[in-house]
Amino acid sequence: MNVRRLIPTAALAGAVSLGLVTLSACSGSSGAGDKESEGKLAVVASFYPMQYLAEQIGGEHVAVSTLTKPGVEPHDLELKPKQISELGEADYILYLKGIQPAVDEAIKQAGVKNTVDAATLTKLEEHGTGAGHDHAGETAEEHAAHEGEAPADEHGHESEAGADPHLWLDPVKYAEVAKGVGASLEKADPAHAADYKKNTDALVKKLGDLDTAFETGLKNTTTKTFITTHAAFGYLAERYGLDQEGISGVDPESEPSPARIKELQDVAKKDKVSTVFFETLASDKTAKTLATDTGLKTDVLDPLEGITDRSKGDDYIEVMQSNLAALKKALGAK
């Protein structure tokens, strides 16, 4: 998971309770007092993948707001005092623990009864920069060095390694989460349970169709390896038999070591890699430098942490379809 610029938990808790966590972000109103949301369940989502689930499943019965403004890198989000106070007014909060430390702490302080952590609705796994490769037999330090991660401290805690939170990039895991969200909305708002169930089933079907498209589209390819600046695609790679090679690990803005660049150049040559992928919310400088040095092309592979006017699609399904098209082209799908 991405844990850069972490504030110590104790300090953050104090800041949250005093309403001192400041910095710009979208002021996500809970909608509790809005005329247009009167009678609706006031839902607060932490960032886009959670917002999409809430809107698709909640439909006309919910008023959804998000804490993360489009275009803001979610990992770096900090909250305004107004947002923190409004969290406590929400009827239902949907978030993904481990993506946004400031949000995690604020939600814990809010104490809203219907608070759902999407990470508890499916099984999380660990992925490094080279998801899909076997490093059996390595020590923790060797594995961390190979993956470009910080090694564990004396208590066994790793500063970047651990459970990968990017579950929404696997349509199958995302569908599992959708089912859990649907069930929790039914419980939170029993009067509209039938509609939540119907909407959940419709979304799960769309995600099933997306899964089929990925499985079919990526079955026969010239290569199975792709290089990306943001190692967010571990679940997707594992699901469809691909090998993800991250330039800088889970932090899309950190600089790779010369040794990692050399390793990637070797991988690109050995595995017939044609393309280096970058994302819309982080700098493409490293991707372009690596591509130039190795004679490769560049393209966008969107980790879908937010939808902006630069996104190749208007919602989750459309952007994932664009990701599929980019992967098919880069991997030489037949």
C-alpha atoms as a PDB file:
ATOM      1  CA  MET A   1       0.000   0.000   0.000  1.00  0.00           C
ATOM      2  CA  ASN A   2       1.066   3.561  -0.408  1.00  0.00           C
ATOM      3  CA  VAL A   3       2.146   4.995   2.922  1.00  0.00           C
ATOM      4  CA  ARG A   4       4.227   8.004   2.023  1.00  0.00           C
ATOM      5  CA  ARG A   5       3.944  11.147   4.099  1.00  0.00           C
ATOM      6  CA  LEU A   6       2.380   9.255   6.976  1.00  0.00           C
ATOM      7  CA  ILE A   7       1.581  11.256  10.082  1.00  0.00           C
ATOM      8  CA  PRO A   8       2.075   9.296  13.312  1.00  0.00           C
ATOM      9  CA  THR A   9      -1.288   7.851  14.365  1.00  0.00           C
ATOM     10  CA  ALA A  10      -1.315   9.459  17.795  1.00  0.00           C
ATOM     11  CA  ALA A  11      -0.552  12.889  16.363  1.00  0.00           C
ATOM     12  CA  LEU A  12      -3.145  12.450  13.661  1.00  0.00           C
ATOM     13  CA  ALA A  13      -5.795  11.382  16.146  1.00  0.00           C
ATOM     14  CA  GLY A  14      -5.127  14.518  18.138  1.00  0.00           C
ATOM     15  CA  ALA A  15      -5.293  16.671  15.040  1.00  0.00           C
ATOM     16  CA  VAL A  16      -8.577  15.087  13.983  1.00  0.00           C
ATOM     17  CA  SER A  17     -10.193  15.544  17.387  1.00  0.00           C
ATOM     18  CA  LEU A  18      -9.164  19.194  17.407  1.00  0.00           C
ATOM     19  CA  GLY A  19     -10.238  19.701  13.797  1.00  0.00           C
ATOM     20  CA  LEU A  20      -6.714  20.731  12.831  1.00  0.00           C
ATOM     21  CA  VAL A  21      -6.142  18.512   9.808  1.00  0.00           C
ATOM     22  CA  THR A  22      -6.191  21.070   7.023  1.00  0.00           C
ATOM     23  CA  LEU A  23      -5.123  21.209   3.339  1.00  0.00           C
ATOM     24  CA  SER A  24      -7.240  21.512   0.290  1.00  0.00           C
ATOM     25  CA  ALA A  25      -9.611  18.809  -0.845  1.00  0.00           C
ATOM     26  CA  CYS A  26     -13.163  18.652  -2.046  1.00  0.00           C
ATOM     27  CA  SER A  27     -15.567  19.606   0.697  1.00  0.00           C
ATOM     28  CA  GLY A  28     -17.661  16.456   0.590  1.00  0.00           C
ATOM     29  CA  SER A  29     -20.957  17.378   2.128  1.00  0.00           C
ATOM     30  CA  SER A  30     -22.780  14.480   3.686  1.00  0.00           C
ATOM     31  CA  GLY A  31     -25.935  15.811   2.143  1.00  0.00           C
ATOM     32  CA  ALA A  32     -27.760  15.478   5.456  1.00  0.00           C
ATOM     33  CA  GLY A  33     -29.299  18.919   5.250  1.00  0.00           C
ATOM     34  CA  ASP A  34     -29.648  19.315   1.498  1.00  0.00           C
ATOM     35  CA  LYS A  35     -33.174  19.752   0.181  1.00  0.00           C
ATOM     36  CA  GLU A  36     -32.532  17.520  -2.816  1.00  0.00           C
ATOM     37  CA  SER A  37     -31.308  14.683  -0.578  1.00  0.00           C
ATOM     38  CA  GLU A  38     -34.187  14.893   1.905  1.00  0.00           C
ATOM     39  CA  GLY A  39     -35.374  11.441   2.817  1.00  0.00           C
ATOM     40  CA  LYS A  40     -32.312   9.816   1.232  1.00  0.00           C
ATOM     41  CA  LEU A  41     -29.558   7.906   2.990  1.00  0.00           C
ATOM     42  CA  ALA A  42     -26.606  10.293   3.378  1.00  0.00           C
ATOM     43  CA  VAL A  43     -23.593   8.323   2.157  1.00  0.00           C
ATOM     44  CA  VAL A  44     -19.964   9.467   2.334  1.00  0.00           C
ATOM     45  CA  ALA A  45     -17.449   7.613   0.154  1.00  0.00           C
ATOM     46  CA  SER A  46     -13.706   7.987   0.674  1.00  0.00           C
ATOM     47  CA  PHE A  47     -12.649   8.059  -3.007  1.00  0.00           C
ATOM     48  CA  TYR A  48     -13.894   7.182  -6.483  1.00  0.00           C
ATOM     49  CA  PRO A  49     -13.977   3.339  -6.423  1.00  0.00           C
ATOM     50  CA  MET A  50     -16.101   3.512  -3.260  1.00  0.00           C
ATOM     51  CA  GLN A  51     -18.235   6.347  -4.657  1.00  0.00           C
ATOM     52  CA  TYR A  52     -19.007   4.290  -7.772  1.00  0.00           C
ATOM     53  CA  LEU A  53     -20.202   1.331  -5.699  1.00  0.00           C
ATOM     54  CA  ALA A  54     -22.383   3.538  -3.489  1.00  0.00           C
ATOM     55  CA  GLU A  55     -23.976   5.292  -6.471  1.00  0.00           C
ATOM     56  CA  GLN A  56     -24.552   2.139  -8.509  1.00  0.00           C
ATOM     57  CA  ILE A  57     -26.014   0.126  -5.634  1.00  0.00           C
ATOM     58  CA  GLY A  58     -27.737   2.941  -3.740  1.00  0.00           C
ATOM     59  CA  GLY A  59     -29.400   4.411  -6.813  1.00  0.00           C
ATOM     60  CA  GLU A  60     -32.200   6.881  -6.124  1.00  0.00           C
ATOM     61  CA  HIS A  61     -32.283   6.107  -2.400  1.00  0.00           C
ATOM     62  CA  VAL A  62     -28.887   7.595  -1.522  1.00  0.00           C
ATOM     63  CA  ALA A  63     -27.196  10.991  -1.654  1.00  0.00           C
ATOM     64  CA  VAL A  64     -23.509  10.227  -2.185  1.00  0.00           C
ATOM     65  CA  SER A  65     -20.620  12.585  -1.551  1.00  0.00           C
ATOM     66  CA  THR A  66     -16.916  11.828  -1.817  1.00  0.00           C
ATOM     67  CA  LEU A  67     -14.031  13.051   0.315  1.00  0.00           C
ATOM     68  CA  THR A  68     -11.576  13.005  -2.593  1.00  0.00           C
ATOM     69  CA  LYS A  69     -11.956  15.669  -5.250  1.00  0.00           C
ATOM     70  CA  PRO A  70     -11.447  14.479  -8.862  1.00  0.00           C
ATOM     71  CA  GLY A  71      -7.808  14.982  -9.825  1.00  0.00           C
ATOM     72  CA  VAL A  72      -6.485  14.733  -6.257  1.00  0.00           C
ATOM     73  CA  GLU A  73      -4.072  11.846  -5.656  1.00  0.00           C
ATOM     74  CA  PRO A  74      -6.073   9.866  -3.029  1.00  0.00           C
ATOM     75  CA  HIS A  75      -3.026   8.578  -1.140  1.00  0.00           C
ATOM     76  CA  ASP A  76      -2.033  12.154  -0.265  1.00  0.00           C
ATOM     77  CA  LEU A  77      -5.472  13.393   0.805  1.00  0.00           C
ATOM     78  CA  GLU A  78      -5.839  15.316   4.027  1.00  0.00           C
ATOM     79  CA  LEU A  79      -9.126  16.696   5.270  1.00  0.00           C
ATOM     80  CA  LYS A  80     -10.577  20.094   6.083  1.00  0.00           C
ATOM     81  CA  PRO A  81     -12.141  20.523   9.548  1.00  0.00           C
ATOM     82  CA  LYS A  82     -15.550  20.903   7.848  1.00  0.00           C
ATOM     83  CA  GLN A  83     -15.193  17.519   6.190  1.00  0.00           C
ATOM     84  CA  ILE A  84     -14.196  15.899   9.463  1.00  0.00           C
ATOM     85  CA  SER A  85     -17.219  17.323  11.293  1.00  0.00           C
ATOM     86  CA  GLU A  86     -19.576  16.313   8.470  1.00  0.00           C
ATOM     87  CA  LEU A  87     -18.380  12.726   8.651  1.00  0.00           C
ATOM     88  CA  GLY A  88     -20.217  12.369  11.940  1.00  0.00           C
ATOM     89  CA  GLU A  89     -23.480  13.453  10.267  1.00  0.00           C
ATOM     90  CA  ALA A  90     -23.384  10.691   7.644  1.00  0.00           C
ATOM     91  CA  ASP A  91     -25.862   7.815   7.740  1.00  0.00           C
ATOM     92  CA  TYR A  92     -23.407   5.476   6.045  1.00  0.00           C
ATOM     93  CA  ILE A  93     -19.656   5.636   5.309  1.00  0.00           C
ATOM     94  CA  LEU A  94     -17.898   3.486   2.718  1.00  0.00           C
ATOM     95  CA  TYR A  95     -14.092   3.507   2.596  1.00  0.00           C
ATOM     96  CA  LEU A  96     -11.079   1.303   1.914  1.00  0.00           C
ATOM     97  CA  LYS A  97      -8.687   1.099   4.837  1.00  0.00           C
ATOM     98  CA  GLY A  98      -5.010   1.421   3.968  1.00  0.00           C
ATOM     99  CA  ILE A  99      -5.325   3.792   1.008  1.00  0.00           C
ATOM    100  CA  GLN A 100      -5.767   7.111   2.866  1.00  0.00           C
ATOM    101  CA  PRO A 101      -4.299   7.281   6.384  1.00  0.00           C
ATOM    102  CA  ALA A 102      -5.907  10.647   7.251  1.00  0.00           C
ATOM    103  CA  VAL A 103      -9.317   9.377   6.163  1.00  0.00           C
ATOM    104  CA  ASP A 104      -8.924   6.142   8.118  1.00  0.00           C
ATOM    105  CA  GLU A 105      -8.293   8.049  11.329  1.00  0.00           C
ATOM    106  CA  ALA A 106     -11.080  10.594  10.759  1.00  0.00           C
ATOM    107  CA  ILE A 107     -13.609   7.831  10.076  1.00  0.00           C
ATOM    108  CA  LYS A 108     -12.590   6.028  13.248  1.00  0.00           C
ATOM    109  CA  GLN A 109     -13.148   9.243  15.201  1.00  0.00           C
ATOM    110  CA  ALA A 110     -16.544   9.859  13.529  1.00  0.00           C
ATOM    111  CA  GLY A 111     -18.061   6.747  15.098  1.00  0.00           C
ATOM    112  CA  VAL A 112     -20.858   6.342  12.530  1.00  0.00           C
ATOM    113  CA  LYS A 113     -22.758   3.086  13.121  1.00  0.00           C
ATOM    114  CA  ASN A 114     -23.000   2.085   9.462  1.00  0.00           C
ATOM    115  CA  THR A 115     -19.312   2.319   8.561  1.00  0.00           C
ATOM    116  CA  VAL A 116     -18.068  -0.224   6.025  1.00  0.00           C
ATOM    117  CA  ASP A 117     -14.418  -0.974   5.208  1.00  0.00           C
ATOM    118  CA  ALA A 118     -14.318  -2.535   1.728  1.00  0.00           C
ATOM    119  CA  ALA A 119     -11.092  -4.341   2.639  1.00  0.00           C
ATOM    120  CA  THR A 120     -13.110  -6.592   4.978  1.00  0.00           C
ATOM    121  CA  LEU A 121     -15.452  -7.706   2.182  1.00  0.00           C
ATOM    122  CA  THR A 122     -12.866  -9.684   0.201  1.00  0.00           C
ATOM    123  CA  LYS A 123      -9.467 -11.286   0.771  1.00  0.00           C
ATOM    124  CA  LEU A 124      -6.475  -8.977   0.402  1.00  0.00           C
ATOM    125  CA  GLU A 125      -3.115 -10.269  -0.783  1.00  0.00           C
ATOM    126  CA  GLU A 126       0.456  -9.023  -0.896  1.00  0.00           C
ATOM    127  CA  HIS A 127       1.929  -7.860  -4.192  1.00  0.00           C
ATOM    128  CA  GLY A 128       5.330  -6.340  -4.879  1.00  0.00           C
ATOM    129  CA  THR A 129       6.608  -4.432  -7.891  1.00  0.00           C
ATOM    130  CA  GLY A 130       6.922  -7.666  -9.820  1.00  0.00           C
ATOM    131  CA  ALA A 131       3.515  -9.200  -9.108  1.00  0.00           C
ATOM    132  CA  GLY A 132       3.225 -12.596 -10.657  1.00  0.00           C
ATOM    133  CA  HIS A 133       6.909 -13.526 -10.283  1.00  0.00           C
ATOM    134  CA  ASP A 134       8.065 -16.225  -7.910  1.00  0.00           C
ATOM    135  CA  HIS A 135      10.639 -15.205  -5.301  1.00  0.00           C
ATOM    136  CA  ALA A 136      10.324 -18.307  -3.139  1.00  0.00           C
ATOM    137  CA  GLY A 137      13.270 -18.934  -0.870  1.00  0.00           C
ATOM    138  CA  GLU A 138      14.264 -15.287  -0.510  1.00  0.00           C
ATOM    139  CA  THR A 139      14.709 -13.741   2.893  1.00  0.00           C
ATOM    140  CA  ALA A 140      12.416 -10.803   3.748  1.00  0.00           C
ATOM    141  CA  GLU A 141      15.351  -8.440   3.188  1.00  0.00           C
ATOM    142  CA  GLU A 142      16.202  -9.993  -0.201  1.00  0.00           C
ATOM    143  CA  HIS A 143      12.571  -9.876  -1.279  1.00  0.00           C
ATOM    144  CA  ALA A 144      12.239  -6.254  -0.182  1.00  0.00           C
ATOM    145  CA  ALA A 145      15.413  -5.333  -2.062  1.00  0.00           C
ATOM    146  CA  HIS A 146      14.225  -7.138  -5.184  1.00  0.00           C
ATOM    147  CA  GLU A 147      10.862  -5.435  -5.083  1.00  0.00           C
ATOM    148  CA  GLY A 148      12.247  -1.980  -4.379  1.00  0.00           C
ATOM    149  CA  GLU A 149      10.557  -1.949  -0.957  1.00  0.00           C
ATOM    150  CA  ALA A 150      11.842  -0.891   2.412  1.00  0.00           C
ATOM    151  CA  PRO A 151      12.790  -3.909   4.544  1.00  0.00           C
ATOM    152  CA  ALA A 152      10.953  -4.731   7.756  1.00  0.00           C
ATOM    153  CA  ASP A 153      11.964  -2.954  10.934  1.00  0.00           C
ATOM    154  CA  GLU A 154      13.069  -4.758  14.104  1.00  0.00           C
ATOM    155  CA  HIS A 155       9.428  -5.435  15.032  1.00  0.00           C
ATOM    156  CA  GLY A 156       8.680  -7.013  11.656  1.00  0.00           C
ATOM    157  CA  HIS A 157       6.634  -4.102  10.311  1.00  0.00           C
ATOM    158  CA  GLU A 158       7.271  -3.159   6.707  1.00  0.00           C
ATOM    159  CA  SER A 159       7.131   0.473   5.679  1.00  0.00           C
ATOM    160  CA  GLU A 160       5.618  -0.202   2.251  1.00  0.00           C
ATOM    161  CA  ALA A 161       5.068  -3.934   1.914  1.00  0.00           C
ATOM    162  CA  GLY A 162       1.915  -5.610   3.135  1.00  0.00           C
ATOM    163  CA  ALA A 163      -1.601  -6.186   1.885  1.00  0.00           C
ATOM    164  CA  ASP A 164      -2.221  -4.570  -1.485  1.00  0.00           C
ATOM    165  CA  PRO A 165      -5.376  -2.387  -1.249  1.00  0.00           C
ATOM    166  CA  HIS A 166      -5.934  -1.950  -5.031  1.00  0.00           C
ATOM    167  CA  LEU A 167      -8.666  -4.598  -5.109  1.00  0.00           C
ATOM    168  CA  TRP A 168     -11.026  -2.639  -7.405  1.00  0.00           C
ATOM    169  CA  LEU A 169      -8.744  -3.256 -10.400  1.00  0.00           C
ATOM    170  CA  ASP A 170      -9.785  -6.911 -10.343  1.00  0.00           C
ATOM    171  CA  PRO A 171     -13.438  -7.061 -11.493  1.00  0.00           C
ATOM    172  CA  VAL A 172     -13.974 -10.337  -9.604  1.00  0.00           C
ATOM    173  CA  LYS A 173     -12.764  -8.944  -6.274  1.00  0.00           C
ATOM    174  CA  TYR A 174     -14.634  -5.701  -6.901  1.00  0.00           C
ATOM    175  CA  ALA A 175     -17.820  -7.741  -7.439  1.00  0.00           C
ATOM    176  CA  GLU A 176     -17.250  -9.489  -4.096  1.00  0.00           C
ATOM    177  CA  VAL A 177     -17.004  -6.077  -2.448  1.00  0.00           C
ATOM    178  CA  ALA A 178     -20.146  -4.917  -4.301  1.00  0.00           C
ATOM    179  CA  LYS A 179     -22.109  -7.826  -2.829  1.00  0.00           C
ATOM    180  CA  GLY A 180     -20.924  -6.901   0.667  1.00  0.00           C
ATOM    181  CA  VAL A 181     -21.797  -3.244   0.150  1.00  0.00           C
ATOM    182  CA  GLY A 182     -25.258  -4.216  -1.115  1.00  0.00           C
ATOM    183  CA  ALA A 183     -25.899  -6.378   1.945  1.00  0.00           C
ATOM    184  CA  SER A 184     -24.747  -3.598   4.283  1.00  0.00           C
ATOM    185  CA  LEU A 185     -27.032  -1.033   2.585  1.00  0.00           C
ATOM    186  CA  GLU A 186     -29.964  -3.431   2.915  1.00  0.00           C
ATOM    187  CA  LYS A 187     -29.237  -3.620   6.637  1.00  0.00           C
ATOM    188  CA  ALA A 188     -28.757   0.150   7.009  1.00  0.00           C
ATOM    189  CA  ASP A 189     -31.942   0.989   5.078  1.00  0.00           C
ATOM    190  CA  PRO A 190     -34.300  -2.036   5.196  1.00  0.00           C
ATOM    191  CA  ALA A 191     -37.188  -0.114   3.608  1.00  0.00           C
ATOM    192  CA  HIS A 192     -35.349  -0.145   0.268  1.00  0.00           C
ATOM    193  CA  ALA A 193     -33.617  -3.532   0.606  1.00  0.00           C
ATOM    194  CA  ALA A 194     -35.260  -4.959  -2.530  1.00  0.00           C
ATOM    195  CA  ASP A 195     -33.930  -2.121  -4.686  1.00  0.00           C
ATOM    196  CA  TYR A 196     -30.414  -2.421  -3.233  1.00  0.00           C
ATOM    197  CA  LYS A 197     -30.476  -6.158  -3.990  1.00  0.00           C
ATOM    198  CA  LYS A 198     -31.653  -5.536  -7.562  1.00  0.00           C
ATOM    199  CA  ASN A 199     -28.995  -2.851  -8.137  1.00  0.00           C
ATOM    200  CA  THR A 200     -26.279  -5.063  -6.648  1.00  0.00           C
ATOM    201  CA  ASP A 201     -27.217  -7.936  -8.966  1.00  0.00           C
ATOM    202  CA  ALA A 202     -27.117  -5.578 -11.976  1.00  0.00           C
ATOM    203  CA  LEU A 203     -23.668  -4.256 -11.032  1.00  0.00           C
ATOM    204  CA  VAL A 204     -22.292  -7.747 -10.354  1.00  0.00           C
ATOM    205  CA  LYS A 205     -23.472  -8.786 -13.831  1.00  0.00           C
ATOM    206  CA  LYS A 206     -21.693  -5.791 -15.419  1.00  0.00           C
ATOM    207  CA  LEU A 207     -18.514  -6.690 -13.542  1.00  0.00           C
ATOM    208  CA  GLY A 208     -18.896 -10.316 -14.629  1.00  0.00           C
ATOM    209  CA  ASP A 209     -19.118  -9.192 -18.264  1.00  0.00           C
ATOM    210  CA  LEU A 210     -16.004  -7.056 -17.738  1.00  0.00           C
ATOM    211  CA  ASP A 211     -14.155 -10.033 -16.253  1.00  0.00           C
ATOM    212  CA  THR A 212     -15.098 -12.147 -19.278  1.00  0.00           C
ATOM    213  CA  ALA A 213     -13.858  -9.422 -21.637  1.00  0.00           C
ATOM    214  CA  PHE A 214     -10.482  -9.283 -19.845  1.00  0.00           C
ATOM    215  CA  GLU A 215     -10.139 -13.067 -19.684  1.00  0.00           C
ATOM    216  CA  THR A 216     -10.950 -13.485 -23.371  1.00  0.00           C
ATOM    217  CA  GLY A 217      -8.983 -10.455 -24.562  1.00  0.00           C
ATOM    218  CA  LEU A 218      -5.777 -11.333 -22.699  1.00  0.00           C
ATOM    219  CA  LYS A 219      -5.786 -15.105 -23.189  1.00  0.00           C
ATOM    220  CA  ASN A 220      -3.470 -15.191 -26.221  1.00  0.00           C
ATOM    221  CA  THR A 221      -0.773 -12.520 -26.220  1.00  0.00           C
ATOM    222  CA  THR A 222       2.804 -12.197 -27.490  1.00  0.00           C
ATOM    223  CA  THR A 223       4.035 -11.339 -23.992  1.00  0.00           C
ATOM    224  CA  LYS A 224       2.541 -11.531 -20.502  1.00  0.00           C
ATOM    225  CA  THR A 225       4.706  -8.775 -18.996  1.00  0.00           C
ATOM    226  CA  PHE A 226       3.835  -5.106 -18.657  1.00  0.00           C
ATOM    227  CA  ILE A 227       5.813  -2.273 -17.050  1.00  0.00           C
ATOM    228  CA  THR A 228       4.009   0.470 -15.130  1.00  0.00           C
ATOM    229  CA  THR A 229       4.987   3.458 -12.991  1.00  0.00           C
ATOM    230  CA  HIS A 230       2.365   2.603 -10.367  1.00  0.00           C
ATOM    231  CA  ALA A 231       2.416  -1.003  -9.169  1.00  0.00           C
ATOM    232  CA  ALA A 232      -1.340  -0.962  -8.563  1.00  0.00           C
ATOM    233  CA  PHE A 233      -2.226  -3.800 -10.920  1.00  0.00           C
ATOM    234  CA  GLY A 234      -1.145  -6.827  -8.888  1.00  0.00           C
ATOM    235  CA  TYR A 235      -4.662  -8.250  -8.536  1.00  0.00           C
ATOM    236  CA  LEU A 236      -5.396  -7.688 -12.223  1.00  0.00           C
ATOM    237  CA  ALA A 237      -2.101  -9.314 -13.238  1.00  0.00           C
ATOM    238  CA  GLU A 238      -2.737 -12.326 -11.029  1.00  0.00           C
ATOM    239  CA  ARG A 239      -6.328 -12.715 -12.234  1.00  0.00           C
ATOM    240  CA  TYR A 240      -5.406 -12.810 -15.927  1.00  0.00           C
ATOM    241  CA  GLY A 241      -2.036 -14.561 -15.810  1.00  0.00           C
ATOM    242  CA  LEU A 242       0.093 -11.460 -16.421  1.00  0.00           C
ATOM    243  CA  ASP A 243       3.344 -10.217 -14.866  1.00  0.00           C
ATOM    244  CA  GLN A 244       3.339  -6.646 -13.559  1.00  0.00           C
ATOM    245  CA  GLU A 245       6.726  -4.940 -13.326  1.00  0.00           C
ATOM    246  CA  GLY A 246       6.443  -1.698 -11.342  1.00  0.00           C
ATOM    247  CA  ILE A 247       9.074   0.964 -11.915  1.00  0.00           C
ATOM    248  CA  SER A 248       8.868   2.403  -8.418  1.00  0.00           C
ATOM    249  CA  GLY A 249       6.670   0.077  -6.399  1.00  0.00           C
ATOM    250  CA  VAL A 250       3.380   1.230  -4.941  1.00  0.00           C
ATOM    251  CA  ASP A 251       4.470   4.881  -4.698  1.00  0.00           C
ATOM    252  CA  PRO A 252       3.862   6.342  -8.176  1.00  0.00           C
ATOM    253  CA  GLU A 253       6.076   9.374  -7.523  1.00  0.00           C
ATOM    254  CA  SER A 254       9.184   7.810  -5.990  1.00  0.00           C
ATOM    255  CA  GLU A 255      12.366   7.597  -8.035  1.00  0.00           C
ATOM    256  CA  PRO A 256      13.554   4.098  -9.015  1.00  0.00           C
ATOM    257  CA  SER A 257      17.122   3.076  -8.254  1.00  0.00           C
ATOM    258  CA  PRO A 258      19.652   2.683 -11.105  1.00  0.00           C
ATOM    259  CA  ALA A 259      19.660  -1.057 -10.323  1.00  0.00           C
ATOM    260  CA  ARG A 260      15.870  -1.207 -10.807  1.00  0.00           C
ATOM    261  CA  ILE A 261      16.116   0.655 -14.130  1.00  0.00           C
ATOM    262  CA  LYS A 262      18.776  -1.799 -15.318  1.00  0.00           C
ATOM    263  CA  GLU A 263      16.617  -4.723 -14.198  1.00  0.00           C
ATOM    264  CA  LEU A 264      13.621  -3.346 -16.099  1.00  0.00           C
ATOM    265  CA  GLN A 265      15.702  -2.851 -19.231  1.00  0.00           C
ATOM    266  CA  ASP A 266      16.705  -6.516 -19.023  1.00  0.00           C
ATOM    267  CA  VAL A 267      13.091  -7.596 -18.411  1.00  0.00           C
ATOM    268  CA  ALA A 268      11.865  -5.527 -21.370  1.00  0.00           C
ATOM    269  CA  LYS A 269      14.388  -7.190 -23.682  1.00  0.00           C
ATOM    270  CA  LYS A 270      13.856 -10.727 -22.375  1.00  0.00           C
ATOM    271  CA  ASP A 271      10.033 -10.600 -22.266  1.00  0.00           C
ATOM    272  CA  LYS A 272       9.503  -8.620 -25.495  1.00  0.00           C
ATOM    273  CA  VAL A 273       7.882  -5.702 -23.670  1.00  0.00           C
ATOM    274  CA  SER A 274       6.719  -2.947 -26.057  1.00  0.00           C
ATOM    275  CA  THR A 275       5.203  -0.341 -23.756  1.00  0.00           C
ATOM    276  CA  VAL A 276       5.821   1.493 -20.487  1.00  0.00           C
ATOM    277  CA  PHE A 277       2.568   2.546 -18.830  1.00  0.00           C
ATOM    278  CA  PHE A 278       2.019   5.669 -16.746  1.00  0.00           C
ATOM    279  CA  GLU A 279      -1.083   7.096 -15.048  1.00  0.00           C
ATOM    280  CA  THR A 280      -2.996  10.351 -15.301  1.00  0.00           C
ATOM    281  CA  LEU A 281      -2.649  11.497 -11.657  1.00  0.00           C
ATOM    282  CA  ALA A 282       1.160  11.206 -11.414  1.00  0.00           C
ATOM    283  CA  SER A 283       4.153  12.421 -13.402  1.00  0.00           C
ATOM    284  CA  ASP A 284       5.013  10.505 -16.583  1.00  0.00           C
ATOM    285  CA  LYS A 285       8.664  11.650 -16.446  1.00  0.00           C
ATOM    286  CA  THR A 286      10.130   8.334 -15.220  1.00  0.00           C
ATOM    287  CA  ALA A 287       8.070   6.279 -17.671  1.00  0.00           C
ATOM    288  CA  LYS A 288       9.176   8.425 -20.605  1.00  0.00           C
ATOM    289  CA  THR A 289      12.820   8.321 -19.527  1.00  0.00           C
ATOM    290  CA  LEU A 290      12.766   4.522 -19.264  1.00  0.00           C
ATOM    291  CA  ALA A 291      10.894   4.225 -22.574  1.00  0.00           C
ATOM    292  CA  THR A 292      13.412   6.479 -24.353  1.00  0.00           C
ATOM    293  CA  ASP A 293      16.385   4.580 -22.913  1.00  0.00           C
ATOM    294  CA  THR A 294      14.959   1.220 -23.980  1.00  0.00           C
ATOM    295  CA  GLY A 295      13.290   2.208 -27.256  1.00  0.00           C
ATOM    296  CA  LEU A 296       9.777   1.495 -25.941  1.00  0.00           C
ATOM    297  CA  LYS A 297       6.447   3.273 -26.402  1.00  0.00           C
ATOM    298  CA  THR A 298       4.404   4.838 -23.596  1.00  0.00           C
ATOM    299  CA  ASP A 299       0.669   4.626 -22.906  1.00  0.00           C
ATOM    300  CA  VAL A 300      -1.823   5.176 -20.084  1.00  0.00           C
ATOM    301  CA  LEU A 301      -2.928   2.412 -17.720  1.00  0.00           C
ATOM    302  CA  ASP A 302      -5.360   4.061 -15.324  1.00  0.00           C
ATOM    303  CA  PRO A 303      -5.432   2.852 -11.687  1.00  0.00           C
ATOM    304  CA  LEU A 304      -8.918   4.397 -11.467  1.00  0.00           C
ATOM    305  CA  GLU A 305      -8.391   6.270  -8.234  1.00  0.00           C
ATOM    306  CA  GLY A 306     -10.392   9.195  -9.640  1.00  0.00           C
ATOM    307  CA  ILE A 307     -12.234  10.260 -12.788  1.00  0.00           C
ATOM    308  CA  THR A 308     -11.113  13.509 -14.441  1.00  0.00           C
ATOM    309  CA  ASP A 309     -11.556  15.113 -17.857  1.00  0.00           C
ATOM    310  CA  ARG A 310      -8.326  13.321 -18.840  1.00  0.00           C
ATOM    311  CA  SER A 311      -9.729   9.893 -18.025  1.00  0.00           C
ATOM    312  CA  LYS A 312     -10.367   7.593 -20.982  1.00  0.00           C
ATOM    313  CA  GLY A 313     -13.993   7.051 -20.023  1.00  0.00           C
ATOM    314  CA  ASP A 314     -16.716   8.554 -17.857  1.00  0.00           C
ATOM    315  CA  ASP A 315     -16.981   5.824 -15.228  1.00  0.00           C
ATOM    316  CA  TYR A 316     -15.343   2.683 -13.846  1.00  0.00           C
ATOM    317  CA  ILE A 317     -16.552   0.321 -16.571  1.00  0.00           C
ATOM    318  CA  GLU A 318     -15.537   2.620 -19.449  1.00  0.00           C
ATOM    319  CA  VAL A 319     -12.054   3.299 -18.053  1.00  0.00           C
ATOM    320  CA  MET A 320     -11.489  -0.399 -17.381  1.00  0.00           C
ATOM    321  CA  GLN A 321     -12.475  -1.112 -20.990  1.00  0.00           C
ATOM    322  CA  SER A 322      -9.870   1.469 -22.069  1.00  0.00           C
ATOM    323  CA  ASN A 323      -7.311  -0.250 -19.835  1.00  0.00           C
ATOM    324  CA  LEU A 324      -8.139  -3.556 -21.510  1.00  0.00           C
ATOM    325  CA  ALA A 325      -7.676  -2.056 -24.972  1.00  0.00           C
ATOM    326  CA  ALA A 326      -4.293  -0.578 -23.915  1.00  0.00           C
ATOM    327  CA  LEU A 327      -3.129  -3.908 -22.457  1.00  0.00           C
ATOM    328  CA  LYS A 328      -4.231  -5.872 -25.545  1.00  0.00           C
ATOM    329  CA  LYS A 329      -2.272  -3.488 -27.767  1.00  0.00           C
ATOM    330  CA  ALA A 330       0.834  -3.473 -25.557  1.00  0.00           C
ATOM    331  CA  LEU A 331       0.894  -7.238 -24.985  1.00  0.00           C
ATOM    332  CA  GLY A 332       0.228  -8.126 -28.611  1.00  0.00           C
ATOM    333  CA  ALA A 333      -3.170  -9.807 -28.164  1.00  0.00           C
ATOM    334  CA  LYS A 334      -4.036 -12.224 -30.956  1.00  0.00           C
END
